[in-house]
Amino acid sequence: MPKKTLCEQVLTLCDKYFPGDPPEYFFDVSWVGFNSILDVYRCGALHLTAGVCALVTKKDLEYWGVDELLLEPCCALKYYPEIELCVKEIQGEEQSRAKQQVHVPKTKIYGVGCYNRSLPQDGTRHFFVKNQFAVSALSLNF
């Protein structure tokens, strides 16, 4: 088996690598919890970042190869119950969606959020369809 090049070896550790002076490394992951990950290597202790979803933290730990058992007891008491709540919430959402799946007749949908309304056969547009995007955009500002 041929030996890997330096670039191939580096790409096993990061998502993209740009050799040069200085070389650039790209990690395709959220930066929000990175300080906690970095502190594991600095201090040997893992504390959670306040306000970050436990599932996001779990994915970050998996990405960086950090064992969640390194969590300090003060954070573990918050982390594990939150993981359980998130998993139950996701399962409940999936069950709810499965129950609510209804056969929707195929119609022509124009624009964002037209609520499955179709254009009339004469080619004119309903006022609702033309202005739905503006209404949706306004409601996002609240």
C-alpha atoms as a PDB file:
ATOM      1  CA  MET A   1       0.000   0.000   0.000  1.00  0.00           C
ATOM      2  CA  PRO A   2       1.514   3.366  -0.991  1.00  0.00           C
ATOM      3  CA  LYS A   3       2.470   5.763   1.758  1.00  0.00           C
ATOM      4  CA  LYS A   4       0.136   8.733   2.213  1.00  0.00           C
ATOM      5  CA  THR A   5       1.316  12.187   1.258  1.00  0.00           C
ATOM      6  CA  LEU A   6       1.482  14.936   3.882  1.00  0.00           C
ATOM      7  CA  CYS A   7      -1.717  16.485   2.496  1.00  0.00           C
ATOM      8  CA  GLU A   8      -3.587  13.165   2.730  1.00  0.00           C
ATOM      9  CA  GLN A   9      -2.353  12.660   6.299  1.00  0.00           C
ATOM     10  CA  VAL A  10      -3.473  16.152   7.327  1.00  0.00           C
ATOM     11  CA  LEU A  11      -6.884  15.661   5.687  1.00  0.00           C
ATOM     12  CA  THR A  12      -7.532  12.726   8.029  1.00  0.00           C
ATOM     13  CA  LEU A  13      -7.484  15.280  10.868  1.00  0.00           C
ATOM     14  CA  CYS A  14      -9.332  18.232   9.309  1.00  0.00           C
ATOM     15  CA  ASP A  15     -11.873  18.949   6.568  1.00  0.00           C
ATOM     16  CA  LYS A  16      -9.664  21.035   4.268  1.00  0.00           C
ATOM     17  CA  TYR A  17      -5.989  21.855   4.174  1.00  0.00           C
ATOM     18  CA  PHE A  18      -4.223  24.564   2.221  1.00  0.00           C
ATOM     19  CA  PRO A  19      -0.435  24.156   2.259  1.00  0.00           C
ATOM     20  CA  GLY A  20       1.574  27.334   2.217  1.00  0.00           C
ATOM     21  CA  ASP A  21       3.333  29.720   4.523  1.00  0.00           C
ATOM     22  CA  PRO A  22       1.590  29.528   6.948  1.00  0.00           C
ATOM     23  CA  PRO A  23      -0.470  26.421   6.198  1.00  0.00           C
ATOM     24  CA  GLU A  24      -4.240  26.790   6.699  1.00  0.00           C
ATOM     25  CA  TYR A  25      -6.461  24.168   8.282  1.00  0.00           C
ATOM     26  CA  PHE A  26     -10.255  24.187   7.927  1.00  0.00           C
ATOM     27  CA  PHE A  27     -12.614  22.442  10.323  1.00  0.00           C
ATOM     28  CA  ASP A  28     -16.241  22.345   9.179  1.00  0.00           C
ATOM     29  CA  VAL A  29     -17.846  22.601  12.594  1.00  0.00           C
ATOM     30  CA  SER A  30     -19.434  25.311  14.702  1.00  0.00           C
ATOM     31  CA  TRP A  31     -16.980  27.450  16.640  1.00  0.00           C
ATOM     32  CA  VAL A  32     -19.350  28.032  19.582  1.00  0.00           C
ATOM     33  CA  GLY A  33     -18.086  25.167  21.746  1.00  0.00           C
ATOM     34  CA  PHE A  34     -14.485  25.232  20.543  1.00  0.00           C
ATOM     35  CA  ASN A  35     -13.120  26.952  23.662  1.00  0.00           C
ATOM     36  CA  SER A  36     -14.473  24.117  25.800  1.00  0.00           C
ATOM     37  CA  ILE A  37     -12.752  21.588  23.545  1.00  0.00           C
ATOM     38  CA  LEU A  38      -9.520  23.574  23.630  1.00  0.00           C
ATOM     39  CA  ASP A  39      -9.687  23.736  27.439  1.00  0.00           C
ATOM     40  CA  VAL A  40      -9.689  19.925  27.544  1.00  0.00           C
ATOM     41  CA  TYR A  41      -6.222  19.986  26.011  1.00  0.00           C
ATOM     42  CA  ARG A  42      -5.077  22.972  28.068  1.00  0.00           C
ATOM     43  CA  CYS A  43      -6.416  22.022  31.496  1.00  0.00           C
ATOM     44  CA  GLY A  44      -7.544  18.427  31.191  1.00  0.00           C
ATOM     45  CA  ALA A  45     -11.091  19.359  32.270  1.00  0.00           C
ATOM     46  CA  LEU A  46     -14.251  19.629  30.179  1.00  0.00           C
ATOM     47  CA  HIS A  47     -16.878  22.203  31.080  1.00  0.00           C
ATOM     48  CA  LEU A  48     -19.928  22.993  28.963  1.00  0.00           C
ATOM     49  CA  THR A  49     -20.517  26.272  27.198  1.00  0.00           C
ATOM     50  CA  ALA A  50     -23.592  27.961  28.691  1.00  0.00           C
ATOM     51  CA  GLY A  51     -26.592  28.232  26.398  1.00  0.00           C
ATOM     52  CA  VAL A  52     -25.491  25.561  23.910  1.00  0.00           C
ATOM     53  CA  CYS A  53     -27.825  22.659  23.171  1.00  0.00           C
ATOM     54  CA  ALA A  54     -26.608  19.365  24.615  1.00  0.00           C
ATOM     55  CA  LEU A  55     -27.013  17.644  21.232  1.00  0.00           C
ATOM     56  CA  VAL A  56     -24.773  20.251  19.591  1.00  0.00           C
ATOM     57  CA  THR A  57     -22.217  19.707  22.341  1.00  0.00           C
ATOM     58  CA  LYS A  58     -22.444  15.934  21.843  1.00  0.00           C
ATOM     59  CA  LYS A  59     -21.778  16.316  18.092  1.00  0.00           C
ATOM     60  CA  ASP A  60     -18.838  18.646  18.798  1.00  0.00           C
ATOM     61  CA  LEU A  61     -17.332  16.143  21.233  1.00  0.00           C
ATOM     62  CA  GLU A  62     -17.700  13.362  18.644  1.00  0.00           C
ATOM     63  CA  TYR A  63     -16.168  15.541  15.907  1.00  0.00           C
ATOM     64  CA  TRP A  64     -13.119  16.441  17.996  1.00  0.00           C
ATOM     65  CA  GLY A  65     -12.757  12.917  19.412  1.00  0.00           C
ATOM     66  CA  VAL A  66     -13.259  13.981  23.036  1.00  0.00           C
ATOM     67  CA  ASP A  67     -14.863  11.463  25.379  1.00  0.00           C
ATOM     68  CA  GLU A  68     -17.908  12.897  27.132  1.00  0.00           C
ATOM     69  CA  LEU A  69     -16.815  11.067  30.273  1.00  0.00           C
ATOM     70  CA  LEU A  70     -14.252  13.871  30.696  1.00  0.00           C
ATOM     71  CA  LEU A  71     -17.114  16.195  31.671  1.00  0.00           C
ATOM     72  CA  GLU A  72     -16.635  17.632  35.108  1.00  0.00           C
ATOM     73  CA  PRO A  73     -19.352  16.574  37.602  1.00  0.00           C
ATOM     74  CA  CYS A  74     -20.838  20.083  37.756  1.00  0.00           C
ATOM     75  CA  CYS A  75     -21.556  19.997  34.013  1.00  0.00           C
ATOM     76  CA  ALA A  76     -22.380  16.280  33.773  1.00  0.00           C
ATOM     77  CA  LEU A  77     -25.334  16.856  36.108  1.00  0.00           C
ATOM     78  CA  LYS A  78     -26.802  19.238  33.508  1.00  0.00           C
ATOM     79  CA  TYR A  79     -25.601  17.527  30.323  1.00  0.00           C
ATOM     80  CA  TYR A  80     -26.960  13.979  30.626  1.00  0.00           C
ATOM     81  CA  PRO A  81     -30.533  14.932  31.661  1.00  0.00           C
ATOM     82  CA  GLU A  82     -30.602  17.503  28.842  1.00  0.00           C
ATOM     83  CA  ILE A  83     -29.512  14.844  26.331  1.00  0.00           C
ATOM     84  CA  GLU A  84     -32.364  12.609  27.498  1.00  0.00           C
ATOM     85  CA  LEU A  85     -34.875  15.455  27.174  1.00  0.00           C
ATOM     86  CA  CYS A  86     -33.659  16.294  23.675  1.00  0.00           C
ATOM     87  CA  VAL A  87     -33.881  12.665  22.551  1.00  0.00           C
ATOM     88  CA  LYS A  88     -37.426  12.349  23.964  1.00  0.00           C
ATOM     89  CA  GLU A  89     -38.429  15.613  22.272  1.00  0.00           C
ATOM     90  CA  ILE A  90     -37.078  14.432  18.915  1.00  0.00           C
ATOM     91  CA  GLN A  91     -38.849  11.078  19.256  1.00  0.00           C
ATOM     92  CA  GLY A  92     -42.100  12.861  20.148  1.00  0.00           C
ATOM     93  CA  GLU A  93     -41.754  15.139  17.115  1.00  0.00           C
ATOM     94  CA  GLU A  94     -41.138  12.155  14.830  1.00  0.00           C
ATOM     95  CA  GLN A  95     -44.170  10.304  16.217  1.00  0.00           C
ATOM     96  CA  SER A  96     -46.316  13.407  15.853  1.00  0.00           C
ATOM     97  CA  ARG A  97     -45.224  13.876  12.232  1.00  0.00           C
ATOM     98  CA  ALA A  98     -45.904  10.215  11.466  1.00  0.00           C
ATOM     99  CA  LYS A  99     -49.449  10.526  12.855  1.00  0.00           C
ATOM    100  CA  GLN A 100     -50.129  13.764  11.020  1.00  0.00           C
ATOM    101  CA  GLN A 101     -48.981  12.629   7.613  1.00  0.00           C
ATOM    102  CA  VAL A 102     -51.987  13.063   5.395  1.00  0.00           C
ATOM    103  CA  HIS A 103     -52.275  12.528   1.687  1.00  0.00           C
ATOM    104  CA  VAL A 104     -52.066  15.964   0.060  1.00  0.00           C
ATOM    105  CA  PRO A 105     -53.211  16.189  -3.555  1.00  0.00           C
ATOM    106  CA  LYS A 106     -50.538  17.366  -5.949  1.00  0.00           C
ATOM    107  CA  THR A 107     -51.004  20.995  -6.916  1.00  0.00           C
ATOM    108  CA  LYS A 108     -48.811  23.603  -8.478  1.00  0.00           C
ATOM    109  CA  ILE A 109     -47.033  25.540  -5.727  1.00  0.00           C
ATOM    110  CA  TYR A 110     -45.659  28.951  -6.576  1.00  0.00           C
ATOM    111  CA  GLY A 111     -43.454  30.933  -4.208  1.00  0.00           C
ATOM    112  CA  VAL A 112     -42.591  30.356  -0.601  1.00  0.00           C
ATOM    113  CA  GLY A 113     -45.344  29.337   1.791  1.00  0.00           C
ATOM    114  CA  CYS A 114     -48.290  29.304  -0.595  1.00  0.00           C
ATOM    115  CA  TYR A 115     -50.095  26.764   1.567  1.00  0.00           C
ATOM    116  CA  ASN A 116     -50.570  24.390  -1.340  1.00  0.00           C
ATOM    117  CA  ARG A 117     -52.671  26.819  -3.359  1.00  0.00           C
ATOM    118  CA  SER A 118     -52.646  26.482  -7.107  1.00  0.00           C
ATOM    119  CA  LEU A 119     -52.936  29.080  -9.832  1.00  0.00           C
ATOM    120  CA  PRO A 120     -56.236  29.352 -11.624  1.00  0.00           C
ATOM    121  CA  GLN A 121     -56.363  27.776 -15.061  1.00  0.00           C
ATOM    122  CA  ASP A 122     -56.556  31.176 -16.802  1.00  0.00           C
ATOM    123  CA  GLY A 123     -52.976  31.980 -15.679  1.00  0.00           C
ATOM    124  CA  THR A 124     -53.864  34.871 -13.354  1.00  0.00           C
ATOM    125  CA  ARG A 125     -52.438  34.881  -9.865  1.00  0.00           C
ATOM    126  CA  HIS A 126     -54.386  35.001  -6.655  1.00  0.00           C
ATOM    127  CA  PHE A 127     -53.696  38.055  -4.526  1.00  0.00           C
ATOM    128  CA  PHE A 128     -52.848  35.728  -1.636  1.00  0.00           C
ATOM    129  CA  VAL A 129     -50.201  33.836  -3.606  1.00  0.00           C
ATOM    130  CA  LYS A 130     -48.539  37.019  -4.907  1.00  0.00           C
ATOM    131  CA  ASN A 131     -48.312  38.587  -1.462  1.00  0.00           C
ATOM    132  CA  GLN A 132     -47.691  35.557   0.754  1.00  0.00           C
ATOM    133  CA  PHE A 133     -43.909  35.960   0.680  1.00  0.00           C
ATOM    134  CA  ALA A 134     -44.143  39.553   1.880  1.00  0.00           C
ATOM    135  CA  VAL A 135     -46.462  38.538   4.726  1.00  0.00           C
ATOM    136  CA  SER A 136     -44.132  35.694   5.723  1.00  0.00           C
ATOM    137  CA  ALA A 137     -41.109  37.987   5.643  1.00  0.00           C
ATOM    138  CA  LEU A 138     -42.867  40.534   7.844  1.00  0.00           C
ATOM    139  CA  SER A 139     -43.868  37.943  10.412  1.00  0.00           C
ATOM    140  CA  LEU A 140     -40.211  36.835  10.753  1.00  0.00           C
ATOM    141  CA  ASN A 141     -39.245  40.275  12.029  1.00  0.00           C
ATOM    142  CA  PHE A 142     -41.289  39.889  15.225  1.00  0.00           C
END
